[in-house]
Amino acid sequence: MNKASRLFWPTLVTPKNAVVKQTEQLSRSQKLLTELGLVKPGSNGTYQIMPIAQRAIDKCIQLVQSNMQAAGGQKISLPVLTPAQLWKKTGRLEGDISEFYMLRDRSGKQFLMSPTHEEAVTAMLASTAPISYRQLPLRLYQIGPKFRDELKSRFGLMRAKEFLMKDMYSFDVSAEAAAESYATVTAAYERFFRQLEVPFVQVEAATGMMGGSQSHEYHFISPVGEDTLLQCSNCSYAGNVEVFGSDTDAPSACPKCQSAQLSRVRGVEVAHTFLLGDKYSKPLGATFLNTTGKPKTLIMGCFGIGITRVVAAALEVLSTEQELRWPKLLAPYDVCIIGPKAGSKEQAPAERIEHELLQQLMQICGAEQLLHDERKELTIGKRLLDAKRLGHPLTIVVGAKATQAEAPKLELHTSGGEKQELDVAQVLQLVATHEQHKQQLVEGTEQTDTKRSQRVGHVH
């Protein structure tokens, strides 16, 4: 069981009446994560993840991995350093590389600190013994750090110079087979974002320097988003203005139904998918042996999810100005339990109830999902304030009312701000219901609100 007194939790303490000079624009999630000691700024544009936030990131990784494996993915690990020579072969070094970190080793060879791994994974397959068509489709993914020298790092984990990313690469025998892989993986993306219960939209996007024939982005709608999205209230169309070249070139009427009910919203990009064709496999010589034993060029797709960005952007959308709100499947802890203050007249009987309740809760949600705030030198009010700001889905208070001779009650606080006074059996039932809801989300059996997601309306 997790003990609050043992957590490394370096909250940011601002002296009363102090004037804080802001050196950068802060988002809601960045402000809360920093103030509450979940994330600490490192050097400019980099961040140190503290234990509570790391738990949420680990849960996000686990959820992403389960969806990638369900889509036929196999996990690998590739070096952070990619030889620049590979990027020269594909022509990507000829574009704008101002955001890339470049370095040379002691012998003068040039490398990139990879912002993405298309060249590296394709070169790996090209150097492998001939792959048979029987081994395809091949869907390889990794989860690891990526690096971009952002001109303006801002909004904390949503736009950092170092970030955590899941990147998958698919290899198929034909364009038709690659389209099937694309549909399989994007279906897994839809499932992942529905599991988070954060409103999202999938939009058509420009392929940019990645290349390829088709591209989609996944966005959480937020005023701090850096992308401008078009949404039609008359039909299902949604798209990134970059598809049309720029914001000024975007149409005033819906490209699909010609309705004038076309609005602009800001979005935070949290995932991106591409059908790449042979853009990388052809120049790097990545082939397979077809049914007649002849070599043919592999057809590719690539699929990225920004792990740290998903966590921060979800908090940006769900949280209030003063309190974090987590997606249920990413909350660091499911339940926080707060016992009586040391020295209070109800301490002894309340602690007996507290101990028994902890044992029962461990049977329902497991010790690892429990946070016991046993800092009893603090008042219940102070600990409850911390619990509310941290956004625990369920916080249970064992105070004076729990020791009443008639109708003893526990306080149950939800992350939505609701407070209830319930007996022990009712509290345990609500915790069990919460755990059941989480399981339904994982299994995909929970009913989804159709208003929470919107798929792109393609223009024909």
Protein backbone atom coordinates (compact mmCIF):
# COMPACT_ATOMS: atom_id res chain seq x y z
CA MET A 1 0.00 0.00 0.00
CA ASN A 2 1.19 3.51 -0.82
CA LYS A 3 1.82 5.88 2.09
CA ALA A 4 1.46 9.63 1.57
CA SER A 5 4.18 10.33 4.15
CA ARG A 6 6.70 8.42 2.03
CA LEU A 7 5.91 10.06 -1.30
CA PHE A 8 8.52 12.28 -2.91
CA TRP A 9 6.19 15.15 -3.61
CA PRO A 10 8.06 18.48 -3.86
CA THR A 11 5.20 20.97 -3.95
CA LEU A 12 5.93 24.49 -5.09
CA VAL A 13 5.48 26.83 -2.13
CA THR A 14 4.85 30.49 -2.96
CA PRO A 15 5.16 32.91 -0.01
CA LYS A 16 2.04 34.83 0.87
CA ASN A 17 1.74 38.15 -1.01
CA ALA A 18 4.71 37.22 -3.21
CA VAL A 19 4.69 38.60 -6.76
CA VAL A 20 5.51 35.81 -9.21
CA LYS A 21 7.03 36.95 -12.49
CA GLN A 22 5.99 34.64 -15.31
CA THR A 23 8.79 34.01 -17.80
CA GLU A 24 6.60 31.88 -20.06
CA GLN A 25 2.96 31.30 -20.87
CA LEU A 26 1.54 28.60 -18.63
CA SER A 27 -1.23 26.16 -19.47
CA ARG A 28 -3.63 24.93 -16.80
CA SER A 29 -2.05 21.46 -16.72
CA GLN A 30 1.48 22.84 -16.52
CA LYS A 31 0.56 25.18 -13.67
CA LEU A 32 -1.12 22.45 -11.62
CA LEU A 33 1.49 19.77 -12.27
CA THR A 34 4.26 22.16 -11.24
CA GLU A 35 2.52 23.63 -8.18
CA LEU A 36 1.56 20.20 -6.88
CA GLY A 37 5.05 18.78 -7.25
CA LEU A 38 4.21 16.21 -9.92
CA VAL A 39 6.53 17.70 -12.55
CA LYS A 40 9.63 19.88 -12.08
CA PRO A 41 11.22 22.01 -14.80
CA GLY A 42 14.69 20.89 -15.82
CA SER A 43 16.65 22.92 -18.33
CA ASN A 44 14.70 25.03 -20.81
CA GLY A 45 12.08 22.84 -22.46
CA THR A 46 12.80 19.68 -20.44
CA TYR A 47 10.97 18.31 -17.43
CA GLN A 48 11.58 15.97 -14.52
CA ILE A 49 8.73 13.56 -13.78
CA MET A 50 8.05 12.96 -10.10
CA PRO A 51 6.64 9.67 -8.70
CA ILE A 52 2.92 10.54 -8.74
CA ALA A 53 2.96 11.72 -12.36
CA GLN A 54 5.18 8.79 -13.33
CA ARG A 55 2.43 6.43 -12.18
CA ALA A 56 0.01 8.07 -14.62
CA ILE A 57 2.55 7.88 -17.45
CA ASP A 58 3.21 4.21 -16.70
CA LYS A 59 -0.53 3.51 -16.85
CA CYS A 60 -0.74 5.33 -20.19
CA ILE A 61 2.13 3.22 -21.51
CA GLN A 62 0.43 0.03 -20.37
CA LEU A 63 -2.83 1.03 -22.03
CA VAL A 64 -1.10 1.96 -25.29
CA GLN A 65 0.85 -1.30 -25.29
CA SER A 66 -2.26 -3.43 -24.79
CA ASN A 67 -3.89 -1.74 -27.79
CA MET A 68 -0.81 -2.06 -29.98
CA GLN A 69 -0.47 -5.75 -29.16
CA ALA A 70 -4.16 -6.26 -29.92
CA ALA A 71 -3.43 -4.69 -33.34
CA GLY A 72 -0.68 -7.25 -33.97
CA GLY A 73 2.21 -5.09 -32.79
CA GLN A 74 5.54 -6.49 -31.63
CA LYS A 75 7.67 -4.36 -29.33
CA ILE A 76 11.29 -3.49 -30.17
CA SER A 77 13.86 -0.91 -29.07
CA LEU A 78 15.94 1.18 -31.45
CA PRO A 79 18.96 3.39 -30.64
CA VAL A 80 18.27 7.07 -29.97
CA LEU A 81 21.17 7.94 -32.28
CA THR A 82 20.46 7.48 -36.01
CA PRO A 83 23.24 7.87 -38.60
CA ALA A 84 22.64 11.04 -40.62
CA GLN A 85 23.63 9.10 -43.74
CA LEU A 86 20.31 7.25 -43.61
CA TRP A 87 18.42 10.54 -43.63
CA LYS A 88 20.48 11.69 -46.61
CA LYS A 89 19.40 8.59 -48.53
CA THR A 90 15.71 9.31 -47.98
CA GLY A 91 16.14 13.03 -48.71
CA ARG A 92 14.88 14.23 -45.34
CA LEU A 93 18.10 16.07 -44.51
CA GLU A 94 17.38 18.35 -47.45
CA GLY A 95 14.29 19.76 -45.71
CA ASP A 96 13.98 22.01 -42.68
CA ILE A 97 16.07 20.30 -39.99
CA SER A 98 16.31 23.26 -37.62
CA GLU A 99 14.36 21.36 -34.95
CA PHE A 100 16.68 18.35 -35.00
CA TYR A 101 19.56 17.73 -32.62
CA MET A 102 22.68 16.80 -34.61
CA LEU A 103 26.00 15.63 -33.25
CA ARG A 104 29.27 14.00 -34.34
CA ASP A 105 31.23 11.22 -32.70
CA ARG A 106 34.99 11.32 -32.18
CA SER A 107 35.61 10.01 -35.68
CA GLY A 108 33.49 12.74 -37.24
CA LYS A 109 30.44 10.66 -38.15
CA GLN A 110 27.21 12.63 -37.93
CA PHE A 111 24.11 11.43 -36.05
CA LEU A 112 20.62 12.68 -35.22
CA MET A 113 19.03 12.35 -31.81
CA SER A 114 16.03 10.79 -33.46
CA PRO A 115 12.78 12.76 -33.54
CA THR A 116 11.31 9.72 -35.33
CA HIS A 117 12.66 6.35 -36.53
CA GLU A 118 11.43 5.64 -40.09
CA GLU A 119 14.95 5.46 -41.50
CA ALA A 120 16.34 3.42 -38.62
CA VAL A 121 13.67 0.71 -38.63
CA THR A 122 13.61 0.48 -42.43
CA ALA A 123 17.40 0.17 -42.60
CA MET A 124 17.18 -2.58 -39.98
CA LEU A 125 14.83 -4.60 -42.18
CA ALA A 126 16.93 -3.89 -45.27
CA SER A 127 19.96 -5.39 -43.50
CA THR A 128 18.03 -8.47 -42.39
CA ALA A 129 18.06 -11.73 -44.35
CA PRO A 130 15.34 -11.67 -47.06
CA ILE A 131 11.89 -11.48 -45.49
CA SER A 132 9.25 -13.81 -46.88
CA TYR A 133 5.78 -12.62 -47.77
CA ARG A 134 4.62 -15.21 -45.22
CA GLN A 135 6.07 -13.02 -42.42
CA LEU A 136 3.95 -10.05 -43.43
CA PRO A 137 2.25 -7.90 -42.30
CA LEU A 138 4.90 -6.87 -39.81
CA ARG A 139 3.99 -4.22 -37.23
CA LEU A 140 6.86 -3.14 -35.01
CA TYR A 141 6.57 -0.54 -32.27
CA GLN A 142 8.64 1.02 -29.53
CA ILE A 143 8.09 3.43 -26.65
CA GLY A 144 10.94 5.75 -25.82
CA PRO A 145 12.29 9.31 -25.72
CA LYS A 146 12.24 11.58 -28.75
CA PHE A 147 14.00 14.92 -29.19
CA ARG A 148 13.11 18.14 -31.00
CA ASP A 149 14.79 21.51 -30.56
CA GLU A 150 11.54 23.44 -30.29
CA LEU A 151 11.86 27.14 -31.07
CA LYS A 152 9.26 27.92 -28.40
CA SER A 153 8.92 25.24 -25.76
CA ARG A 154 5.76 25.98 -23.83
CA PHE A 155 2.81 24.49 -21.98
CA GLY A 156 5.04 22.03 -20.13
CA LEU A 157 4.80 18.43 -21.28
CA MET A 158 2.58 19.40 -24.21
CA ARG A 159 5.48 20.96 -26.11
CA ALA A 160 8.82 19.87 -24.68
CA LYS A 161 12.23 19.32 -26.25
CA GLU A 162 12.36 15.78 -24.92
CA PHE A 163 9.20 13.71 -24.78
CA LEU A 164 7.98 10.14 -24.58
CA MET A 165 6.45 8.64 -27.70
CA LYS A 166 5.03 5.38 -28.99
CA ASP A 167 5.95 4.89 -32.65
CA MET A 168 4.81 1.92 -34.74
CA TYR A 169 5.95 1.00 -38.25
CA SER A 170 3.98 -1.36 -40.50
CA PHE A 171 5.39 -3.32 -43.44
CA ASP A 172 3.16 -4.95 -46.05
CA VAL A 173 3.28 -6.67 -49.45
CA SER A 174 1.11 -4.12 -51.30
CA ALA A 175 -0.68 -0.80 -51.05
CA GLU A 176 -3.95 -2.66 -50.46
CA ALA A 177 -2.45 -4.68 -47.61
CA ALA A 178 -0.88 -1.51 -46.15
CA ALA A 179 -4.32 0.11 -46.17
CA GLU A 180 -5.64 -2.86 -44.17
CA SER A 181 -2.83 -2.42 -41.63
CA TYR A 182 -3.65 1.30 -41.49
CA ALA A 183 -7.31 0.52 -40.75
CA THR A 184 -6.33 -2.01 -38.07
CA VAL A 185 -3.99 0.36 -36.24
CA THR A 186 -6.25 3.42 -36.51
CA ALA A 187 -9.08 1.29 -35.06
CA ALA A 188 -6.76 0.58 -32.12
CA TYR A 189 -6.15 4.33 -31.80
CA GLU A 190 -9.91 4.97 -31.71
CA ARG A 191 -10.25 2.34 -29.00
CA PHE A 192 -7.43 3.86 -26.95
CA PHE A 193 -8.88 7.37 -27.04
CA ARG A 194 -12.38 6.12 -26.21
CA GLN A 195 -10.89 4.36 -23.17
CA LEU A 196 -9.56 7.70 -21.93
CA GLU A 197 -13.04 9.28 -22.03
CA VAL A 198 -11.59 12.59 -23.21
CA PRO A 199 -13.42 14.24 -26.15
CA PHE A 200 -11.28 13.82 -29.26
CA VAL A 201 -11.50 14.34 -33.00
CA GLN A 202 -9.74 12.56 -35.86
CA VAL A 203 -8.95 14.89 -38.77
CA GLU A 204 -7.39 14.69 -42.18
CA ALA A 205 -3.93 16.22 -42.12
CA ALA A 206 -1.09 17.17 -44.44
CA THR A 207 1.69 14.59 -44.79
CA GLY A 208 4.43 17.25 -44.48
CA MET A 209 8.06 16.15 -44.39
CA MET A 210 7.02 12.61 -43.43
CA GLY A 211 5.62 12.08 -46.91
CA GLY A 212 3.17 9.42 -48.02
CA SER A 213 -0.32 9.41 -49.52
CA GLN A 214 -2.57 9.75 -46.49
CA SER A 215 -2.38 11.21 -42.99
CA HIS A 216 -4.65 11.65 -39.99
CA GLU A 217 -4.24 13.44 -36.68
CA TYR A 218 -5.99 12.93 -33.36
CA HIS A 219 -6.70 16.06 -31.31
CA PHE A 220 -8.07 17.00 -27.92
CA ILE A 221 -10.02 20.24 -28.29
CA SER A 222 -8.46 22.98 -26.14
CA PRO A 223 -7.89 26.75 -26.39
CA VAL A 224 -4.15 26.21 -25.84
CA GLY A 225 -3.93 23.96 -28.90
CA GLU A 226 -1.53 25.08 -31.61
CA ASP A 227 -3.53 23.64 -34.51
CA THR A 228 -6.60 25.23 -36.05
CA LEU A 229 -9.29 22.70 -36.91
CA LEU A 230 -12.37 23.14 -39.06
CA GLN A 231 -15.60 21.56 -37.81
CA CYS A 232 -18.93 21.54 -39.60
CA SER A 233 -22.04 21.47 -37.41
CA ASN A 234 -24.15 20.39 -40.40
CA CYS A 235 -22.26 17.19 -41.21
CA SER A 236 -19.41 15.08 -39.85
CA TYR A 237 -16.56 16.95 -41.54
CA ALA A 238 -13.47 17.90 -39.54
CA GLY A 239 -10.03 18.80 -40.84
CA ASN A 240 -6.81 20.61 -40.07
CA VAL A 241 -6.47 23.91 -41.95
CA GLU A 242 -2.96 22.85 -42.99
CA VAL A 243 -4.62 20.51 -45.53
CA PHE A 244 -5.56 23.65 -47.45
CA GLY A 245 -2.08 25.18 -47.19
CA SER A 246 -2.65 27.72 -44.42
CA ASP A 247 -5.34 29.27 -42.25
CA THR A 248 -5.90 32.07 -44.77
CA ASP A 249 -6.41 29.54 -47.59
CA ALA A 250 -9.00 27.51 -45.64
CA PRO A 251 -12.54 27.61 -47.06
CA SER A 252 -15.38 29.55 -45.46
CA ALA A 253 -17.89 26.83 -46.38
CA CYS A 254 -17.71 23.15 -45.52
CA PRO A 255 -15.71 21.25 -48.17
CA LYS A 256 -18.05 18.26 -47.78
CA CYS A 257 -21.60 19.67 -47.64
CA GLN A 258 -20.94 23.31 -48.63
CA SER A 259 -22.70 24.49 -45.47
CA ALA A 260 -21.70 27.85 -44.02
CA GLN A 261 -21.88 26.32 -40.53
CA LEU A 262 -18.12 25.82 -40.43
CA SER A 263 -16.38 26.80 -37.22
CA ARG A 264 -12.76 27.01 -36.17
CA VAL A 265 -11.51 25.43 -32.95
CA ARG A 266 -8.07 24.93 -31.47
CA GLY A 267 -6.74 21.41 -31.00
CA VAL A 268 -3.81 19.74 -29.23
CA GLU A 269 -2.38 17.05 -31.50
CA VAL A 270 -1.81 13.86 -29.48
CA ALA A 271 -1.37 11.27 -32.23
CA HIS A 272 -0.55 11.09 -35.94
CA THR A 273 -0.79 8.31 -38.54
CA PHE A 274 0.63 8.05 -42.08
CA LEU A 275 0.42 5.77 -45.11
CA LEU A 276 3.99 6.07 -46.38
CA GLY A 277 4.07 3.82 -49.45
CA ASP A 278 7.69 3.19 -50.49
CA LYS A 279 9.08 6.60 -49.51
CA TYR A 280 11.58 5.02 -47.11
CA SER A 281 11.72 1.38 -48.16
CA LYS A 282 12.69 2.09 -51.78
CA PRO A 283 15.76 4.34 -51.21
CA LEU A 284 16.92 2.15 -48.30
CA GLY A 285 16.41 -1.13 -50.17
CA ALA A 286 13.96 -2.79 -47.79
CA THR A 287 12.41 -5.69 -49.68
CA PHE A 288 10.63 -9.02 -49.22
CA LEU A 289 10.44 -12.16 -51.34
CA ASN A 290 7.06 -12.57 -53.05
CA THR A 291 5.26 -15.82 -53.93
CA THR A 292 7.59 -16.39 -56.89
CA GLY A 293 10.72 -15.78 -54.81
CA LYS A 294 11.44 -12.39 -56.37
CA PRO A 295 12.30 -9.32 -54.24
CA LYS A 296 9.65 -6.61 -54.01
CA THR A 297 9.73 -3.30 -52.12
CA LEU A 298 7.97 -3.24 -48.75
CA ILE A 299 5.01 -0.85 -48.40
CA MET A 300 4.96 1.09 -45.12
CA GLY A 301 2.84 2.98 -42.64
CA CYS A 302 3.80 4.74 -39.41
CA PHE A 303 1.77 5.58 -36.34
CA GLY A 304 2.72 7.84 -33.40
CA ILE A 305 1.19 8.62 -30.02
CA GLY A 306 2.76 11.24 -27.75
CA ILE A 307 2.59 9.51 -24.36
CA THR A 308 3.55 12.46 -22.17
CA ARG A 309 1.53 14.82 -24.34
CA VAL A 310 -1.59 12.63 -24.02
CA VAL A 311 -1.35 12.76 -20.22
CA ALA A 312 -0.79 16.54 -20.09
CA ALA A 313 -3.41 17.34 -22.73
CA ALA A 314 -6.02 15.15 -21.02
CA LEU A 315 -5.41 17.08 -17.80
CA GLU A 316 -5.65 20.33 -19.72
CA VAL A 317 -9.11 19.42 -21.00
CA LEU A 318 -10.54 17.80 -17.86
CA SER A 319 -9.05 19.80 -14.95
CA THR A 320 -10.39 22.89 -13.22
CA GLU A 321 -8.20 25.91 -12.45
CA GLN A 322 -7.43 24.56 -8.97
CA GLU A 323 -7.84 20.78 -9.18
CA LEU A 324 -6.51 18.05 -11.44
CA ARG A 325 -8.98 15.74 -13.14
CA TRP A 326 -7.58 12.46 -14.50
CA PRO A 327 -8.99 10.00 -17.01
CA LYS A 328 -10.10 7.07 -14.85
CA LEU A 329 -7.58 4.68 -16.38
CA LEU A 330 -4.66 7.10 -15.87
CA ALA A 331 -5.32 8.35 -12.32
CA PRO A 332 -2.19 7.66 -10.23
CA TYR A 333 -4.33 6.13 -7.46
CA ASP A 334 -7.96 5.01 -7.51
CA VAL A 335 -8.71 5.64 -3.84
CA CYS A 336 -7.22 7.90 -1.15
CA ILE A 337 -8.17 7.20 2.44
CA ILE A 338 -7.80 9.84 5.16
CA GLY A 339 -7.96 8.86 8.83
CA PRO A 340 -8.47 10.93 12.00
CA LYS A 341 -6.06 13.61 13.20
CA ALA A 342 -3.58 12.55 15.85
CA GLY A 343 -4.74 13.57 19.33
CA SER A 344 -8.39 13.93 18.40
CA LYS A 345 -10.94 12.35 20.74
CA GLU A 346 -12.17 10.06 17.97
CA GLN A 347 -8.67 8.86 16.98
CA ALA A 348 -8.71 5.40 18.61
CA PRO A 349 -12.15 4.18 17.47
CA ALA A 350 -11.77 5.84 14.03
CA GLU A 351 -8.42 4.16 13.47
CA ARG A 352 -9.97 0.76 14.10
CA ILE A 353 -12.53 1.51 11.38
CA GLU A 354 -9.78 2.91 9.16
CA HIS A 355 -7.66 -0.25 9.48
CA GLU A 356 -10.58 -2.56 8.71
CA LEU A 357 -11.61 -0.39 5.76
CA LEU A 358 -8.09 -0.52 4.31
CA GLN A 359 -8.17 -4.33 4.39
CA GLN A 360 -11.52 -4.39 2.62
CA LEU A 361 -10.42 -1.86 -0.01
CA MET A 362 -7.32 -3.90 -0.80
CA GLN A 363 -9.58 -6.81 -1.65
CA ILE A 364 -11.58 -4.66 -4.08
CA CYS A 365 -9.00 -2.56 -5.91
CA GLY A 366 -5.64 -3.94 -4.80
CA ALA A 367 -3.05 -2.41 -2.50
CA GLU A 368 -1.19 -0.76 -5.39
CA GLN A 369 -4.19 1.44 -6.28
CA LEU A 370 -4.63 2.70 -2.70
CA LEU A 371 -3.05 5.83 -1.24
CA HIS A 372 -3.22 5.97 2.55
CA ASP A 373 -2.76 9.54 3.73
CA GLU A 374 -1.54 8.74 7.21
CA ARG A 375 0.04 12.16 7.82
CA LYS A 376 -2.01 12.46 10.99
CA GLU A 377 -0.10 15.43 12.30
CA LEU A 378 -2.13 17.34 9.68
CA THR A 379 -5.82 18.11 10.00
CA ILE A 380 -8.35 16.18 7.95
CA GLY A 381 -9.16 19.45 6.13
CA LYS A 382 -5.57 19.99 5.01
CA ARG A 383 -5.22 16.40 3.77
CA LEU A 384 -8.58 16.57 2.04
CA LEU A 385 -7.54 19.76 0.24
CA ASP A 386 -4.40 18.00 -1.03
CA ALA A 387 -6.46 15.00 -2.16
CA LYS A 388 -8.91 17.21 -4.05
CA ARG A 389 -6.15 19.15 -5.80
CA LEU A 390 -4.40 15.92 -6.79
CA GLY A 391 -7.66 14.70 -8.32
CA HIS A 392 -7.98 11.25 -6.79
CA PRO A 393 -11.14 9.70 -8.27
CA LEU A 394 -12.37 8.67 -4.81
CA THR A 395 -11.33 10.05 -1.40
CA ILE A 396 -12.69 8.45 1.76
CA VAL A 397 -12.57 10.32 5.08
CA VAL A 398 -12.79 8.37 8.35
CA GLY A 399 -13.57 11.15 10.84
CA ALA A 400 -15.75 11.82 13.86
CA LYS A 401 -18.98 10.82 12.10
CA ALA A 402 -17.59 7.33 11.52
CA THR A 403 -17.56 6.72 15.27
CA GLN A 404 -21.15 7.76 15.94
CA ALA A 405 -23.09 5.18 17.96
CA GLU A 406 -26.09 5.60 15.69
CA ALA A 407 -25.78 5.59 11.90
CA PRO A 408 -21.98 5.98 11.58
CA LYS A 409 -21.00 7.62 8.32
CA LEU A 410 -17.91 7.97 6.17
CA GLU A 411 -17.36 10.91 3.84
CA LEU A 412 -16.84 10.03 0.18
CA HIS A 413 -15.51 12.76 -2.11
CA THR A 414 -15.31 12.29 -5.87
CA SER A 415 -12.96 14.13 -8.22
CA GLY A 416 -16.00 15.84 -9.70
CA GLY A 417 -16.56 17.69 -6.40
CA GLU A 418 -19.45 15.58 -5.11
CA LYS A 419 -19.56 14.80 -1.39
CA GLN A 420 -21.64 11.99 0.13
CA GLU A 421 -22.08 10.66 3.65
CA LEU A 422 -22.41 6.87 3.45
CA ASP A 423 -22.03 3.79 5.59
CA VAL A 424 -19.13 1.41 5.05
CA ALA A 425 -21.10 -1.01 2.84
CA GLN A 426 -22.23 1.81 0.54
CA VAL A 427 -18.68 3.17 0.24
CA LEU A 428 -17.32 -0.26 -0.64
CA GLN A 429 -20.04 -0.70 -3.25
CA LEU A 430 -19.16 2.62 -4.93
CA VAL A 431 -15.48 1.67 -4.99
CA ALA A 432 -16.40 -1.68 -6.55
CA THR A 433 -18.54 0.13 -9.15
CA HIS A 434 -15.59 2.39 -9.99
CA GLU A 435 -13.32 -0.63 -10.49
CA GLN A 436 -15.95 -2.33 -12.62
CA HIS A 437 -16.24 0.76 -14.81
CA LYS A 438 -12.46 0.78 -15.30
CA GLN A 439 -12.54 -2.88 -16.33
CA GLN A 440 -15.33 -2.19 -18.80
CA LEU A 441 -13.24 0.60 -20.36
CA VAL A 442 -10.27 -1.74 -20.73
CA GLU A 443 -12.40 -4.48 -22.26
CA GLY A 444 -14.27 -2.05 -24.50
CA THR A 445 -17.67 -2.98 -23.10
CA GLU A 446 -18.47 0.45 -21.64
CA GLN A 447 -21.08 2.41 -23.60
CA THR A 448 -19.41 5.35 -25.36
CA ASP A 449 -21.00 8.77 -25.61
CA THR A 450 -21.03 9.47 -29.34
CA LYS A 451 -20.62 13.16 -28.64
CA ARG A 452 -17.21 12.52 -27.09
CA SER A 453 -15.54 11.68 -30.39
CA GLN A 454 -15.89 12.73 -33.99
CA ARG A 455 -14.43 11.06 -37.01
CA VAL A 456 -13.29 12.97 -40.02
CA GLY A 457 -15.69 13.49 -42.90
CA HIS A 458 -13.64 12.81 -46.02
CA VAL A 459 -14.04 15.03 -49.05
CA HIS A 460 -14.59 13.18 -52.32
